Amino acid sequence: MMDILYVRKQERGPFLKRNLRLLRDSFNWHAREAFFFASLKTKTRVTRAGLQTIRRWSKSDFSKFDVIIFNYECNFGRMGEPIRTACEAVEELREKISDFPAVLLISSPNAKSVPSDEEMGLFELVFRREHFKDLDRYDLNASNKEKLRTTVLSCPLIPANILNFNRLNASDYGFDNPPSQFKYEVSFLGQETSKTFMRTEIVKHVRESGLHFAGGIHTDVRNPDRKIPEALYSKRLSQKEFYEMTRSSIVNLALEGYGQFTYRHWECWALSSFMISSPSVNEVKLPFEAVDGTHYVTFRDSDDLVEKVKYYMEHADEREEIVKNGRQLFKEEYNFHKHGEFIVKQLKGIL
């Protein structure tokens, strides 16, 4: 079994909050990289350490590890530049770790974010959450494009932790069958993540169409100055309330956020709930094959969205077939052991 040094995310904020997060994350894995980390744990021996700790190590301290994986936020000293600062940390440690393969994990939501060609030279592999299928969209040379590997966002419904990650079965979570009754025709709840107010405009259009809509938009915690129209504003719901709304809706919207693939995709598959997604999800590579029209449906624009909501409201058989396919995909692919085997195969290829 391989021995991995995982250089974890650097927590920010007040001393007490930082340390409480560190304590929590040593037992419960719930952040964007939770699926990757739990998968890695199933097939390797993982030592987690912070950058400040390993800076004090000698070269011999690293010798017990086969591979060093750096979280892209391991040296998050400057807002908006985590990849650059992570690369600076690797450069700083180069003399001590030059004999050991270095790997970068990027859990940033937006598929556009990758290191530059120069920064790529520091790593043998880069695991990038849902990178673009078309690698020519990256301004990278051919050899650096070949270093990209895909991983995927975690599902909030699955409480992966240090006690259950080896025996957790996705089939035990969510629902195997779609609801038999509905309260709403269409729903969406989320924060406004776009400078163009994309989500707000779509929700406004759907509401004005006359469809029975549930949910709304709440303020983005990262950009609280983005004011949401009062008529479209909705408070945050508890996880239980949100999942009840999802199950009570004929159609759920999986609108692009900071990333193309969102928590909503996993949640709808897990909850056996039908979704219509932003088309950008088709641009990114997942560790498995999810097919437009088979596991979800996409829309071209706001008018097309409303038309498709109305269509699938009237065609329950087609809708339920897509829901069934999505649930099966969730049960097969939200699998730590399966993704762990994929990760280890990629890591062995650089040894």
Protein backbone atom coordinates (compact mmCIF):
# COMPACT_ATOMS: atom_id res chain seq x y z
CA MET A 1 0.00 0.00 0.00
CA MET A 2 1.33 3.43 -0.95
CA ASP A 3 2.23 6.02 1.67
CA ILE A 4 0.94 9.49 0.85
CA LEU A 5 1.75 12.83 2.43
CA TYR A 6 -1.27 15.09 1.99
CA VAL A 7 -0.47 18.76 2.57
CA ARG A 8 -3.86 20.02 3.66
CA LYS A 9 -5.69 23.26 3.08
CA GLN A 10 -4.51 26.23 5.12
CA GLU A 11 -7.35 27.47 7.31
CA ARG A 12 -7.83 31.19 7.69
CA GLY A 13 -9.62 33.40 10.17
CA PRO A 14 -9.46 33.81 13.96
CA PHE A 15 -7.30 31.39 15.93
CA LEU A 16 -10.18 29.56 17.61
CA LYS A 17 -12.17 29.07 14.39
CA ARG A 18 -9.10 27.86 12.52
CA ASN A 19 -8.34 25.23 15.11
CA LEU A 20 -11.95 24.11 15.41
CA ARG A 21 -12.03 23.57 11.64
CA LEU A 22 -8.80 21.60 11.79
CA LEU A 23 -10.22 19.39 14.54
CA ARG A 24 -13.47 18.88 12.63
CA ASP A 25 -11.71 18.07 9.36
CA SER A 26 -9.52 15.47 11.01
CA PHE A 27 -12.70 13.42 11.66
CA ASN A 28 -15.35 14.59 9.18
CA TRP A 29 -14.65 15.26 5.52
CA HIS A 30 -17.28 17.55 4.08
CA ALA A 31 -15.51 20.15 1.95
CA ARG A 32 -15.24 20.19 -1.85
CA GLU A 33 -12.31 17.75 -1.80
CA ALA A 34 -14.00 15.26 0.57
CA PHE A 35 -14.75 12.73 -2.19
CA PHE A 36 -11.14 12.75 -3.36
CA PHE A 37 -9.70 12.50 0.14
CA ALA A 38 -12.02 9.70 1.31
CA SER A 39 -11.29 7.81 -1.92
CA LEU A 40 -7.55 8.26 -1.42
CA LYS A 41 -7.86 6.93 2.14
CA THR A 42 -9.50 3.69 1.02
CA LYS A 43 -6.46 2.60 -1.01
CA THR A 44 -3.42 4.29 0.57
CA ARG A 45 -1.96 5.23 3.94
CA VAL A 46 -2.41 8.99 4.23
CA THR A 47 -0.62 11.37 6.57
CA ARG A 48 -2.19 14.83 6.75
CA ALA A 49 0.05 17.75 7.63
CA GLY A 50 0.02 21.50 7.27
CA LEU A 51 2.58 23.47 5.31
CA GLN A 52 3.89 25.15 8.46
CA THR A 53 4.65 21.71 9.89
CA ILE A 54 6.46 20.24 6.91
CA ARG A 55 8.56 23.38 6.46
CA ARG A 56 10.36 22.28 9.63
CA TRP A 57 11.05 18.78 8.32
CA SER A 58 14.39 17.58 7.01
CA LYS A 59 14.75 15.73 3.72
CA SER A 60 14.83 12.42 5.56
CA ASP A 61 11.40 13.14 7.10
CA PHE A 62 9.89 12.99 3.61
CA SER A 63 11.57 9.69 2.75
CA LYS A 64 8.80 7.56 4.26
CA PHE A 65 6.34 8.77 1.60
CA ASP A 66 5.88 7.59 -1.98
CA VAL A 67 4.03 10.70 -3.18
CA ILE A 68 3.33 14.19 -1.82
CA ILE A 69 -0.08 15.68 -2.68
CA PHE A 70 -0.45 19.42 -2.19
CA ASN A 71 -3.91 20.90 -1.73
CA TYR A 72 -4.01 24.00 -3.91
CA GLU A 73 -5.01 26.05 -0.84
CA CYS A 74 -2.13 24.78 1.32
CA ASN A 75 -0.48 28.20 1.26
CA PHE A 76 -3.49 30.45 0.84
CA GLY A 77 -1.83 33.67 1.86
CA ARG A 78 -3.30 35.97 -0.77
CA MET A 79 -6.97 36.11 -1.67
CA GLY A 80 -7.67 34.89 -5.18
CA GLU A 81 -4.23 33.36 -5.78
CA PRO A 82 -4.23 29.91 -4.16
CA ILE A 83 -2.65 28.07 -7.10
CA ARG A 84 0.19 30.57 -7.32
CA THR A 85 0.89 30.52 -3.60
CA ALA A 86 0.75 26.69 -3.52
CA CYS A 87 3.33 26.60 -6.30
CA GLU A 88 5.49 29.06 -4.37
CA ALA A 89 5.40 26.66 -1.40
CA VAL A 90 6.47 23.72 -3.57
CA GLU A 91 9.28 25.80 -5.06
CA GLU A 92 10.40 26.71 -1.54
CA LEU A 93 10.54 23.02 -0.56
CA ARG A 94 12.11 21.82 -3.80
CA GLU A 95 15.51 21.01 -2.30
CA LYS A 96 13.92 18.78 0.35
CA ILE A 97 11.35 17.05 -1.85
CA SER A 98 13.12 16.81 -5.20
CA ASP A 99 13.38 13.00 -4.89
CA PHE A 100 9.63 12.55 -4.37
CA PRO A 101 6.80 12.94 -6.91
CA ALA A 102 4.69 16.03 -6.23
CA VAL A 103 1.00 16.14 -7.15
CA LEU A 104 -1.40 19.09 -7.00
CA LEU A 105 -5.08 18.76 -6.05
CA ILE A 106 -7.27 21.62 -7.28
CA SER A 107 -10.79 21.64 -5.84
CA SER A 108 -11.61 25.10 -7.18
CA PRO A 109 -15.10 24.98 -8.72
CA ASN A 110 -14.34 26.72 -12.01
CA ALA A 111 -12.78 24.46 -14.64
CA LYS A 112 -10.79 27.39 -16.02
CA SER A 113 -8.38 27.39 -13.07
CA VAL A 114 -5.16 25.49 -13.78
CA PRO A 115 -1.48 26.28 -13.19
CA SER A 116 0.59 27.96 -15.88
CA ASP A 117 3.05 25.94 -17.97
CA GLU A 118 5.88 27.03 -15.67
CA GLU A 119 3.93 26.08 -12.54
CA MET A 120 2.94 22.73 -14.07
CA GLY A 121 6.63 21.89 -14.23
CA LEU A 122 6.62 21.52 -10.44
CA PHE A 123 4.22 18.56 -10.55
CA GLU A 124 4.04 15.10 -12.05
CA LEU A 125 0.23 15.14 -11.98
CA VAL A 126 -2.55 17.64 -11.36
CA PHE A 127 -5.93 16.38 -10.18
CA ARG A 128 -8.38 19.09 -11.26
CA ARG A 129 -11.99 18.94 -10.17
CA GLU A 130 -14.01 18.53 -13.38
CA HIS A 131 -11.54 19.94 -15.87
CA PHE A 132 -12.65 20.82 -19.41
CA LYS A 133 -13.12 17.90 -21.78
CA ASP A 134 -11.48 19.97 -24.48
CA LEU A 135 -7.95 20.39 -23.15
CA ASP A 136 -7.17 22.88 -25.92
CA ARG A 137 -9.14 25.41 -23.87
CA TYR A 138 -6.11 25.55 -21.58
CA ASP A 139 -3.08 27.60 -22.55
CA LEU A 140 -0.74 24.72 -21.79
CA ASN A 141 1.77 22.77 -23.81
CA ALA A 142 0.97 19.19 -24.81
CA SER A 143 3.03 17.51 -22.06
CA ASN A 144 1.36 19.59 -19.34
CA LYS A 145 -2.12 18.87 -20.68
CA GLU A 146 -1.29 15.19 -20.27
CA LYS A 147 -0.71 15.76 -16.54
CA LEU A 148 -4.35 16.68 -15.93
CA ARG A 149 -6.55 14.11 -14.22
CA THR A 150 -10.17 14.53 -13.23
CA THR A 151 -11.82 14.15 -9.86
CA VAL A 152 -15.19 15.38 -8.69
CA LEU A 153 -17.05 17.43 -6.10
CA SER A 154 -18.32 15.70 -2.96
CA CYS A 155 -22.02 15.14 -2.21
CA PRO A 156 -23.37 16.94 0.91
CA LEU A 157 -25.78 14.06 1.49
CA ILE A 158 -22.93 11.64 2.22
CA PRO A 159 -21.34 12.20 5.66
CA ALA A 160 -17.91 10.77 4.96
CA ASN A 161 -15.77 10.52 8.07
CA ILE A 162 -12.86 8.66 9.60
CA LEU A 163 -15.14 5.90 10.93
CA ASN A 164 -17.31 5.10 7.90
CA PHE A 165 -15.32 5.84 4.74
CA ASN A 166 -14.30 2.20 4.17
CA ARG A 167 -17.81 0.78 4.53
CA LEU A 168 -19.98 3.64 3.28
CA ASN A 169 -22.44 2.61 0.56
CA ALA A 170 -24.15 5.31 -1.51
CA SER A 171 -27.22 3.08 -1.87
CA ASP A 172 -27.96 3.65 1.82
CA TYR A 173 -28.51 7.38 1.23
CA GLY A 174 -31.26 9.26 -0.54
CA PHE A 175 -34.21 7.54 -2.21
CA ASP A 176 -34.44 4.75 -4.75
CA ASN A 177 -37.75 5.90 -6.21
CA PRO A 178 -39.07 9.28 -7.38
CA PRO A 179 -41.83 10.96 -5.36
CA SER A 180 -45.44 10.04 -6.15
CA GLN A 181 -46.81 13.48 -5.23
CA PHE A 182 -45.54 17.02 -5.72
CA LYS A 183 -46.22 20.45 -4.23
CA TYR A 184 -44.31 22.51 -6.79
CA GLU A 185 -43.77 22.49 -10.52
CA VAL A 186 -40.20 23.79 -10.43
CA SER A 187 -37.72 24.82 -7.75
CA PHE A 188 -34.30 26.31 -7.22
CA LEU A 189 -32.52 27.64 -4.14
CA GLY A 190 -29.00 29.03 -4.18
CA GLN A 191 -26.78 32.03 -3.85
CA GLU A 192 -26.08 34.48 -6.65
CA THR A 193 -22.58 33.55 -7.77
CA SER A 194 -22.47 35.47 -11.06
CA LYS A 195 -21.44 39.06 -11.76
CA THR A 196 -24.08 39.04 -14.49
CA PHE A 197 -26.78 37.86 -12.05
CA MET A 198 -27.36 34.80 -14.25
CA ARG A 199 -29.18 32.79 -11.61
CA THR A 200 -31.31 35.76 -10.61
CA GLU A 201 -32.36 36.42 -14.21
CA ILE A 202 -33.28 32.77 -14.81
CA VAL A 203 -35.31 32.54 -11.60
CA LYS A 204 -37.07 35.80 -12.51
CA HIS A 205 -37.97 34.45 -15.96
CA VAL A 206 -39.26 31.14 -14.56
CA ARG A 207 -41.39 32.91 -11.96
CA GLU A 208 -42.83 35.30 -14.54
CA SER A 209 -43.75 32.34 -16.77
CA GLY A 210 -46.56 31.43 -14.37
CA LEU A 211 -45.05 28.13 -13.26
CA HIS A 212 -45.57 27.24 -9.60
CA PHE A 213 -42.07 27.99 -8.34
CA ALA A 214 -40.47 27.25 -4.97
CA GLY A 215 -37.26 28.70 -3.60
CA GLY A 216 -35.35 31.75 -4.76
CA ILE A 217 -31.97 33.43 -4.49
CA HIS A 218 -29.97 34.41 -1.43
CA THR A 219 -26.93 36.64 -1.15
CA ASP A 220 -23.53 35.21 -2.04
CA VAL A 221 -21.42 35.02 1.11
CA ARG A 222 -18.34 35.94 -0.93
CA ASN A 223 -20.01 38.93 -2.56
CA PRO A 224 -22.58 40.34 -0.13
CA ASP A 225 -22.82 43.56 -2.18
CA ARG A 226 -24.75 41.71 -4.89
CA LYS A 227 -28.25 42.80 -3.97
CA ILE A 228 -31.05 40.39 -4.73
CA PRO A 229 -34.50 41.79 -5.69
CA GLU A 230 -36.82 41.38 -2.73
CA ALA A 231 -39.38 39.46 -4.79
CA LEU A 232 -36.78 36.82 -5.68
CA TYR A 233 -35.02 36.61 -2.33
CA SER A 234 -35.31 33.45 -0.25
CA LYS A 235 -33.72 32.62 3.06
CA ARG A 236 -31.42 29.66 3.42
CA LEU A 237 -33.08 26.41 4.39
CA SER A 238 -31.85 23.64 6.62
CA GLN A 239 -30.57 20.59 4.78
CA LYS A 240 -33.74 18.70 5.71
CA GLU A 241 -36.00 21.51 4.47
CA PHE A 242 -34.03 21.84 1.25
CA TYR A 243 -34.21 18.14 0.47
CA GLU A 244 -37.95 18.14 1.23
CA MET A 245 -38.40 20.96 -1.28
CA THR A 246 -36.32 19.07 -3.84
CA ARG A 247 -38.39 15.92 -3.46
CA SER A 248 -41.59 17.99 -3.62
CA SER A 249 -40.72 19.52 -7.01
CA ILE A 250 -41.48 17.99 -10.40
CA VAL A 251 -38.45 19.77 -11.86
CA ASN A 252 -35.35 20.99 -10.04
CA LEU A 253 -32.92 23.45 -11.59
CA ALA A 254 -29.18 22.72 -11.43
CA LEU A 255 -27.88 26.13 -12.42
CA GLU A 256 -24.20 26.76 -12.99
CA GLY A 257 -22.56 28.41 -9.98
CA TYR A 258 -18.88 28.99 -9.34
CA GLY A 259 -18.41 25.72 -11.19
CA GLN A 260 -20.14 23.90 -14.00
CA PHE A 261 -20.87 20.77 -11.94
CA THR A 262 -22.55 21.61 -8.65
CA TYR A 263 -23.76 20.03 -5.43
CA ARG A 264 -27.25 20.08 -6.99
CA HIS A 265 -26.31 17.46 -9.57
CA TRP A 266 -25.26 14.93 -6.92
CA GLU A 267 -28.23 15.81 -4.70
CA CYS A 268 -30.85 15.33 -7.41
CA TRP A 269 -29.35 11.99 -8.44
CA ALA A 270 -29.24 10.87 -4.80
CA LEU A 271 -32.78 12.02 -4.06
CA SER A 272 -34.28 10.50 -7.23
CA SER A 273 -35.40 13.95 -8.29
CA PHE A 274 -35.58 15.21 -11.86
CA MET A 275 -33.28 18.06 -12.85
CA ILE A 276 -32.73 20.43 -15.74
CA SER A 277 -29.15 21.71 -15.78
CA SER A 278 -27.19 24.57 -17.22
CA PRO A 279 -25.56 23.36 -20.47
CA SER A 280 -22.03 24.10 -19.24
CA VAL A 281 -22.03 20.79 -17.36
CA ASN A 282 -21.51 19.13 -20.75
CA GLU A 283 -18.17 20.94 -21.12
CA VAL A 284 -16.44 19.31 -18.16
CA LYS A 285 -14.96 15.85 -17.67
CA LEU A 286 -16.17 13.76 -14.76
CA PRO A 287 -14.55 10.52 -13.54
CA PHE A 288 -17.60 8.75 -15.01
CA GLU A 289 -19.91 9.23 -17.98
CA ALA A 290 -23.02 11.32 -17.31
CA VAL A 291 -25.08 11.82 -20.45
CA ASP A 292 -27.35 14.72 -21.36
CA GLY A 293 -30.83 13.32 -21.98
CA THR A 294 -30.08 10.12 -20.06
CA HIS A 295 -29.05 11.26 -16.56
CA TYR A 296 -30.16 14.91 -16.74
CA VAL A 297 -31.50 17.42 -19.24
CA THR A 298 -29.97 20.78 -20.21
CA PHE A 299 -31.46 24.01 -21.59
CA ARG A 300 -30.19 26.55 -24.12
CA ASP A 301 -31.70 29.73 -22.68
CA SER A 302 -34.48 30.90 -20.36
CA ASP A 303 -37.26 30.37 -22.93
CA ASP A 304 -36.02 26.85 -23.70
CA LEU A 305 -35.88 26.15 -19.97
CA VAL A 306 -39.53 27.07 -19.46
CA GLU A 307 -40.54 24.98 -22.47
CA LYS A 308 -38.65 21.97 -21.15
CA VAL A 309 -40.13 22.33 -17.66
CA LYS A 310 -43.60 22.25 -19.19
CA TYR A 311 -42.68 19.32 -21.46
CA TYR A 312 -41.38 17.12 -18.66
CA MET A 313 -44.31 18.03 -16.43
CA GLU A 314 -46.51 16.42 -19.08
CA HIS A 315 -44.24 13.44 -19.84
CA ALA A 316 -43.86 11.64 -16.53
CA ASP A 317 -42.61 8.40 -18.09
CA GLU A 318 -39.64 10.13 -19.77
CA ARG A 319 -38.95 12.12 -16.63
CA GLU A 320 -38.96 9.07 -14.38
CA GLU A 321 -36.67 7.14 -16.72
CA ILE A 322 -34.08 9.92 -16.47
CA VAL A 323 -34.51 9.98 -12.69
CA LYS A 324 -33.98 6.21 -12.51
CA ASN A 325 -30.82 6.48 -14.62
CA GLY A 326 -29.49 9.29 -12.44
CA ARG A 327 -30.09 7.35 -9.24
CA GLN A 328 -28.32 4.30 -10.68
CA LEU A 329 -25.37 6.48 -11.72
CA PHE A 330 -25.16 7.86 -8.19
CA LYS A 331 -25.15 4.39 -6.63
CA GLU A 332 -22.44 3.14 -8.99
CA GLU A 333 -20.17 6.17 -9.09
CA TYR A 334 -20.33 7.77 -5.66
CA ASN A 335 -17.95 5.06 -4.59
CA PHE A 336 -14.81 5.84 -2.61
CA HIS A 337 -13.20 2.48 -3.39
CA LYS A 338 -13.78 2.80 -7.12
CA HIS A 339 -12.41 6.35 -7.30
CA GLY A 340 -9.58 5.36 -4.95
CA GLU A 341 -8.51 2.68 -7.43
CA PHE A 342 -8.49 5.28 -10.19
CA ILE A 343 -6.36 7.67 -8.10
CA VAL A 344 -3.85 4.98 -7.16
CA LYS A 345 -3.55 3.84 -10.78
CA GLN A 346 -2.66 7.40 -11.78
CA LEU A 347 -0.16 7.76 -8.94
CA LYS A 348 1.57 4.45 -9.72
CA GLY A 349 2.05 5.71 -13.24
CA ILE A 350 4.47 8.39 -12.03
CA LEU A 351 6.55 6.20 -9.72
